[in-house]
Amino acid sequence: MRSKKTKTKGLIRADNARSLKVYNRIRKIIEAARANIARTINSEMVMAYWQIGREIVEDEQKGSARAKYGQQLLKDLSARLSEDFGKGFDASNLRNIRSFLPDLSKM
């Protein structure tokens, strides 16, 4: 009977070791996927900010009273975007987003 118990304990240990190996492989898959998701989100946000900045700069460059209109535009955009999307779109952030692009009037 003793040999039967020893074999059973050995099988349990082998199953636990096998389970741990599978777990570790799955854990690595999940961690890699999460890292890829974070990189993708960061890239998409940079592209979105660049496009938002382009929209603001191109609109501001069209008007003759650029400075006054630009300040009011940022205030209006900030209020609307903050209402729709929450934090992150105050006027100072929009100015930073706008700075992703060069001043087109100087080109």
N, C-alpha and C. Protein backbone atom coordinates (compact mmCIF):
# COMPACT_ATOMS: atom_id res chain seq x y z
N MET A 1 0.81 -1.20 0.00
CA MET A 1 0.00 0.00 0.00
C MET A 1 0.85 1.26 0.00
N ARG A 2 1.97 1.17 0.63
CA ARG A 2 2.83 2.35 0.69
C ARG A 2 3.25 2.83 -0.69
N SER A 3 3.58 1.93 -1.53
CA SER A 3 4.02 2.32 -2.86
C SER A 3 2.90 3.00 -3.64
N LYS A 4 1.68 2.62 -3.39
CA LYS A 4 0.55 3.26 -4.04
C LYS A 4 0.43 4.72 -3.60
N LYS A 5 0.59 4.98 -2.30
CA LYS A 5 0.52 6.36 -1.80
C LYS A 5 1.65 7.21 -2.37
N THR A 6 2.82 6.64 -2.44
CA THR A 6 3.96 7.35 -2.98
C THR A 6 3.72 7.70 -4.44
N LYS A 7 3.18 6.76 -5.20
CA LYS A 7 2.87 7.04 -6.60
C LYS A 7 1.83 8.13 -6.72
N THR A 8 0.82 8.10 -5.87
CA THR A 8 -0.23 9.12 -5.91
C THR A 8 0.35 10.49 -5.58
N LYS A 9 1.18 10.57 -4.54
CA LYS A 9 1.80 11.85 -4.18
C LYS A 9 2.68 12.35 -5.32
N GLY A 10 3.39 11.45 -5.96
CA GLY A 10 4.22 11.83 -7.09
C GLY A 10 3.40 12.37 -8.24
N LEU A 11 2.25 11.78 -8.50
CA LEU A 11 1.37 12.26 -9.56
C LEU A 11 0.81 13.63 -9.23
N ILE A 12 0.46 13.83 -7.98
CA ILE A 12 -0.07 15.14 -7.57
C ILE A 12 1.01 16.20 -7.74
N ARG A 13 2.23 15.90 -7.33
CA ARG A 13 3.33 16.85 -7.50
C ARG A 13 3.57 17.13 -8.98
N ALA A 14 3.53 16.09 -9.79
CA ALA A 14 3.74 16.27 -11.23
C ALA A 14 2.62 17.11 -11.83
N ASP A 15 1.38 16.85 -11.40
CA ASP A 15 0.25 17.64 -11.89
C ASP A 15 0.37 19.10 -11.46
N ASN A 16 0.80 19.32 -10.23
CA ASN A 16 0.99 20.70 -9.75
C ASN A 16 2.09 21.40 -10.53
N ALA A 17 3.17 20.70 -10.78
CA ALA A 17 4.28 21.29 -11.55
C ALA A 17 3.83 21.60 -12.97
N ARG A 18 3.08 20.68 -13.55
CA ARG A 18 2.57 20.89 -14.92
C ARG A 18 1.60 22.07 -14.94
N SER A 19 0.73 22.11 -13.96
CA SER A 19 -0.23 23.21 -13.86
C SER A 19 0.49 24.55 -13.71
N LEU A 20 1.54 24.57 -12.90
CA LEU A 20 2.30 25.79 -12.71
C LEU A 20 2.97 26.24 -14.00
N LYS A 21 3.49 25.30 -14.78
CA LYS A 21 4.11 25.65 -16.06
C LYS A 21 3.09 26.24 -17.02
N VAL A 22 1.90 25.63 -17.09
CA VAL A 22 0.84 26.16 -17.96
C VAL A 22 0.42 27.54 -17.49
N TYR A 23 0.25 27.68 -16.18
CA TYR A 23 -0.11 28.97 -15.60
C TYR A 23 0.91 30.04 -15.97
N ASN A 24 2.19 29.73 -15.82
CA ASN A 24 3.25 30.70 -16.13
C ASN A 24 3.24 31.09 -17.60
N ARG A 25 2.99 30.14 -18.50
CA ARG A 25 2.91 30.47 -19.93
C ARG A 25 1.71 31.36 -20.21
N ILE A 26 0.57 31.06 -19.60
CA ILE A 26 -0.63 31.88 -19.79
C ILE A 26 -0.41 33.27 -19.20
N ARG A 27 0.23 33.34 -18.05
CA ARG A 27 0.51 34.63 -17.43
C ARG A 27 1.36 35.51 -18.35
N LYS A 28 2.37 34.92 -18.99
CA LYS A 28 3.22 35.68 -19.91
C LYS A 28 2.41 36.18 -21.10
N ILE A 29 1.49 35.36 -21.60
CA ILE A 29 0.63 35.78 -22.72
C ILE A 29 -0.20 36.99 -22.32
N ILE A 30 -0.82 36.93 -21.15
CA ILE A 30 -1.66 38.03 -20.67
C ILE A 30 -0.83 39.29 -20.45
N GLU A 31 0.34 39.15 -19.83
CA GLU A 31 1.20 40.32 -19.59
C GLU A 31 1.66 40.95 -20.90
N ALA A 32 2.01 40.14 -21.88
CA ALA A 32 2.42 40.67 -23.18
C ALA A 32 1.27 41.39 -23.86
N ALA A 33 0.08 40.80 -23.78
CA ALA A 33 -1.08 41.43 -24.40
C ALA A 33 -1.38 42.78 -23.74
N ARG A 34 -1.30 42.82 -22.44
CA ARG A 34 -1.56 44.08 -21.73
C ARG A 34 -0.52 45.14 -22.09
N ALA A 35 0.72 44.74 -22.21
CA ALA A 35 1.77 45.70 -22.60
C ALA A 35 1.51 46.22 -24.02
N ASN A 36 1.11 45.32 -24.92
CA ASN A 36 0.80 45.73 -26.29
C ASN A 36 -0.39 46.67 -26.32
N ILE A 37 -1.39 46.39 -25.51
CA ILE A 37 -2.56 47.27 -25.45
C ILE A 37 -2.15 48.66 -24.99
N ALA A 38 -1.33 48.73 -23.96
CA ALA A 38 -0.88 50.03 -23.44
C ALA A 38 -0.12 50.81 -24.50
N ARG A 39 0.78 50.12 -25.23
CA ARG A 39 1.54 50.80 -26.29
C ARG A 39 0.61 51.28 -27.40
N THR A 40 -0.36 50.46 -27.77
CA THR A 40 -1.29 50.84 -28.83
C THR A 40 -2.13 52.05 -28.41
N ILE A 41 -2.61 52.02 -27.18
CA ILE A 41 -3.40 53.15 -26.69
C ILE A 41 -2.56 54.42 -26.69
N ASN A 42 -1.33 54.34 -26.21
CA ASN A 42 -0.46 55.51 -26.19
C ASN A 42 -0.22 56.04 -27.59
N SER A 43 0.02 55.16 -28.54
CA SER A 43 0.24 55.60 -29.93
C SER A 43 -1.00 56.26 -30.50
N GLU A 44 -2.15 55.67 -30.24
CA GLU A 44 -3.41 56.24 -30.75
C GLU A 44 -3.69 57.60 -30.12
N MET A 45 -3.39 57.75 -28.84
CA MET A 45 -3.62 59.04 -28.19
C MET A 45 -2.68 60.11 -28.75
N VAL A 46 -1.43 59.76 -29.01
CA VAL A 46 -0.50 60.73 -29.61
C VAL A 46 -1.03 61.15 -30.98
N MET A 47 -1.49 60.20 -31.78
CA MET A 47 -2.04 60.53 -33.10
C MET A 47 -3.30 61.39 -32.96
N ALA A 48 -4.14 61.07 -32.01
CA ALA A 48 -5.36 61.86 -31.80
C ALA A 48 -5.00 63.28 -31.40
N TYR A 49 -4.04 63.45 -30.48
CA TYR A 49 -3.63 64.79 -30.07
C TYR A 49 -3.03 65.56 -31.24
N TRP A 50 -2.24 64.88 -32.07
CA TRP A 50 -1.66 65.55 -33.23
C TRP A 50 -2.78 66.04 -34.16
N GLN A 51 -3.77 65.19 -34.40
CA GLN A 51 -4.88 65.57 -35.28
C GLN A 51 -5.72 66.70 -34.67
N ILE A 52 -5.95 66.64 -33.35
CA ILE A 52 -6.67 67.72 -32.67
C ILE A 52 -5.89 69.02 -32.80
N GLY A 53 -4.59 68.96 -32.56
CA GLY A 53 -3.74 70.14 -32.70
C GLY A 53 -3.80 70.71 -34.11
N ARG A 54 -3.77 69.83 -35.12
CA ARG A 54 -3.86 70.27 -36.52
C ARG A 54 -5.18 70.99 -36.77
N GLU A 55 -6.26 70.44 -36.26
CA GLU A 55 -7.58 71.09 -36.44
C GLU A 55 -7.58 72.49 -35.84
N ILE A 56 -7.05 72.61 -34.64
CA ILE A 56 -7.03 73.92 -33.97
C ILE A 56 -6.14 74.89 -34.72
N VAL A 57 -4.93 74.48 -35.06
CA VAL A 57 -3.99 75.37 -35.75
C VAL A 57 -4.53 75.79 -37.10
N GLU A 58 -5.04 74.85 -37.87
CA GLU A 58 -5.57 75.19 -39.20
C GLU A 58 -6.74 76.15 -39.09
N ASP A 59 -7.59 75.98 -38.10
CA ASP A 59 -8.72 76.89 -37.93
C ASP A 59 -8.24 78.27 -37.51
N GLU A 60 -7.28 78.33 -36.59
CA GLU A 60 -6.77 79.61 -36.12
C GLU A 60 -6.04 80.36 -37.23
N GLN A 61 -5.35 79.68 -38.11
CA GLN A 61 -4.57 80.34 -39.15
C GLN A 61 -5.46 81.01 -40.20
N LYS A 62 -6.70 80.62 -40.29
CA LYS A 62 -7.60 81.18 -41.31
C LYS A 62 -8.10 82.57 -40.95
N GLY A 63 -8.28 82.86 -39.66
CA GLY A 63 -8.87 84.14 -39.25
C GLY A 63 -7.86 85.25 -39.17
N SER A 64 -8.32 86.48 -39.43
CA SER A 64 -7.40 87.62 -39.36
C SER A 64 -7.17 88.03 -37.90
N ALA A 65 -8.18 87.91 -37.05
CA ALA A 65 -8.02 88.24 -35.63
C ALA A 65 -7.65 86.95 -34.89
N ARG A 66 -6.54 86.38 -35.27
CA ARG A 66 -6.14 85.06 -34.80
C ARG A 66 -6.02 84.95 -33.29
N ALA A 67 -5.35 85.89 -32.65
CA ALA A 67 -5.10 85.78 -31.22
C ALA A 67 -6.39 85.79 -30.41
N LYS A 68 -7.26 86.77 -30.68
CA LYS A 68 -8.51 86.85 -29.94
C LYS A 68 -9.38 85.63 -30.23
N TYR A 69 -9.51 85.31 -31.49
CA TYR A 69 -10.35 84.18 -31.86
C TYR A 69 -9.79 82.88 -31.30
N GLY A 70 -8.47 82.72 -31.33
CA GLY A 70 -7.83 81.50 -30.84
C GLY A 70 -8.10 81.28 -29.36
N GLN A 71 -8.03 82.34 -28.57
CA GLN A 71 -8.29 82.21 -27.14
C GLN A 71 -9.74 81.80 -26.88
N GLN A 72 -10.67 82.42 -27.60
CA GLN A 72 -12.08 82.09 -27.43
C GLN A 72 -12.35 80.68 -27.94
N LEU A 73 -11.72 80.31 -29.03
CA LEU A 73 -11.89 78.96 -29.57
C LEU A 73 -11.46 77.92 -28.54
N LEU A 74 -10.32 78.12 -27.92
CA LEU A 74 -9.84 77.16 -26.92
C LEU A 74 -10.78 77.08 -25.72
N LYS A 75 -11.33 78.22 -25.29
CA LYS A 75 -12.27 78.21 -24.17
C LYS A 75 -13.53 77.43 -24.54
N ASP A 76 -14.05 77.70 -25.73
CA ASP A 76 -15.27 77.01 -26.18
C ASP A 76 -15.02 75.51 -26.33
N LEU A 77 -13.92 75.16 -26.99
CA LEU A 77 -13.59 73.74 -27.16
C LEU A 77 -13.40 73.06 -25.82
N SER A 78 -12.71 73.73 -24.92
CA SER A 78 -12.46 73.16 -23.60
C SER A 78 -13.77 72.85 -22.88
N ALA A 79 -14.68 73.78 -22.89
CA ALA A 79 -15.97 73.57 -22.21
C ALA A 79 -16.73 72.39 -22.82
N ARG A 80 -16.81 72.38 -24.14
CA ARG A 80 -17.56 71.30 -24.81
C ARG A 80 -16.90 69.93 -24.66
N LEU A 81 -15.58 69.88 -24.89
CA LEU A 81 -14.88 68.60 -24.79
C LEU A 81 -14.88 68.06 -23.36
N SER A 82 -14.73 68.96 -22.39
CA SER A 82 -14.74 68.54 -20.99
C SER A 82 -16.11 67.98 -20.61
N GLU A 83 -17.15 68.60 -21.11
CA GLU A 83 -18.50 68.11 -20.83
C GLU A 83 -18.72 66.72 -21.44
N ASP A 84 -18.22 66.52 -22.65
CA ASP A 84 -18.42 65.24 -23.34
C ASP A 84 -17.45 64.15 -22.90
N PHE A 85 -16.19 64.52 -22.61
CA PHE A 85 -15.16 63.51 -22.37
C PHE A 85 -14.49 63.58 -21.00
N GLY A 86 -14.87 64.54 -20.18
CA GLY A 86 -14.30 64.64 -18.84
C GLY A 86 -12.98 65.39 -18.82
N LYS A 87 -12.19 65.06 -17.81
CA LYS A 87 -10.92 65.77 -17.59
C LYS A 87 -9.94 65.58 -18.75
N GLY A 88 -9.01 66.52 -18.85
CA GLY A 88 -7.94 66.40 -19.84
C GLY A 88 -8.07 67.37 -21.00
N PHE A 89 -9.15 68.13 -21.02
CA PHE A 89 -9.34 69.03 -22.16
C PHE A 89 -9.52 70.48 -21.73
N ASP A 90 -8.84 70.87 -20.64
CA ASP A 90 -8.91 72.28 -20.26
C ASP A 90 -8.09 73.09 -21.27
N ALA A 91 -8.24 74.41 -21.22
CA ALA A 91 -7.61 75.27 -22.23
C ALA A 91 -6.10 75.11 -22.27
N SER A 92 -5.47 74.93 -21.10
CA SER A 92 -4.01 74.78 -21.10
C SER A 92 -3.59 73.48 -21.79
N ASN A 93 -4.35 72.41 -21.59
CA ASN A 93 -4.04 71.16 -22.30
C ASN A 93 -4.26 71.30 -23.79
N LEU A 94 -5.29 72.02 -24.18
CA LEU A 94 -5.51 72.24 -25.62
C LEU A 94 -4.37 73.06 -26.22
N ARG A 95 -3.82 74.01 -25.47
CA ARG A 95 -2.66 74.76 -25.96
C ARG A 95 -1.46 73.81 -26.14
N ASN A 96 -1.29 72.90 -25.18
CA ASN A 96 -0.21 71.91 -25.31
C ASN A 96 -0.43 70.99 -26.50
N ILE A 97 -1.65 70.56 -26.68
CA ILE A 97 -1.98 69.70 -27.82
C ILE A 97 -1.72 70.44 -29.12
N ARG A 98 -2.08 71.70 -29.15
CA ARG A 98 -1.86 72.53 -30.34
C ARG A 98 -0.37 72.65 -30.65
N SER A 99 0.46 72.60 -29.63
CA SER A 99 1.89 72.76 -29.85
C SER A 99 2.54 71.53 -30.48
N PHE A 100 1.78 70.47 -30.71
CA PHE A 100 2.31 69.32 -31.44
C PHE A 100 2.68 69.72 -32.87
N LEU A 101 2.04 70.77 -33.36
CA LEU A 101 2.30 71.22 -34.74
C LEU A 101 3.08 72.52 -34.73
N PRO A 102 3.89 72.75 -35.76
CA PRO A 102 4.59 74.03 -35.88
C PRO A 102 3.61 75.14 -36.24
N ASP A 103 4.01 76.37 -36.00
CA ASP A 103 3.20 77.52 -36.39
C ASP A 103 3.23 77.62 -37.91
N LEU A 104 2.10 77.36 -38.55
CA LEU A 104 2.05 77.33 -40.02
C LEU A 104 2.26 78.71 -40.64
N SER A 105 1.98 79.78 -39.88
CA SER A 105 2.16 81.12 -40.44
C SER A 105 3.63 81.46 -40.63
N LYS A 106 4.52 80.76 -39.94
CA LYS A 106 5.93 81.02 -40.04
C LYS A 106 6.61 80.18 -41.13
N MET A 107 5.82 79.37 -41.80
CA MET A 107 6.39 78.48 -42.83
C MET A 107 6.26 79.08 -44.19
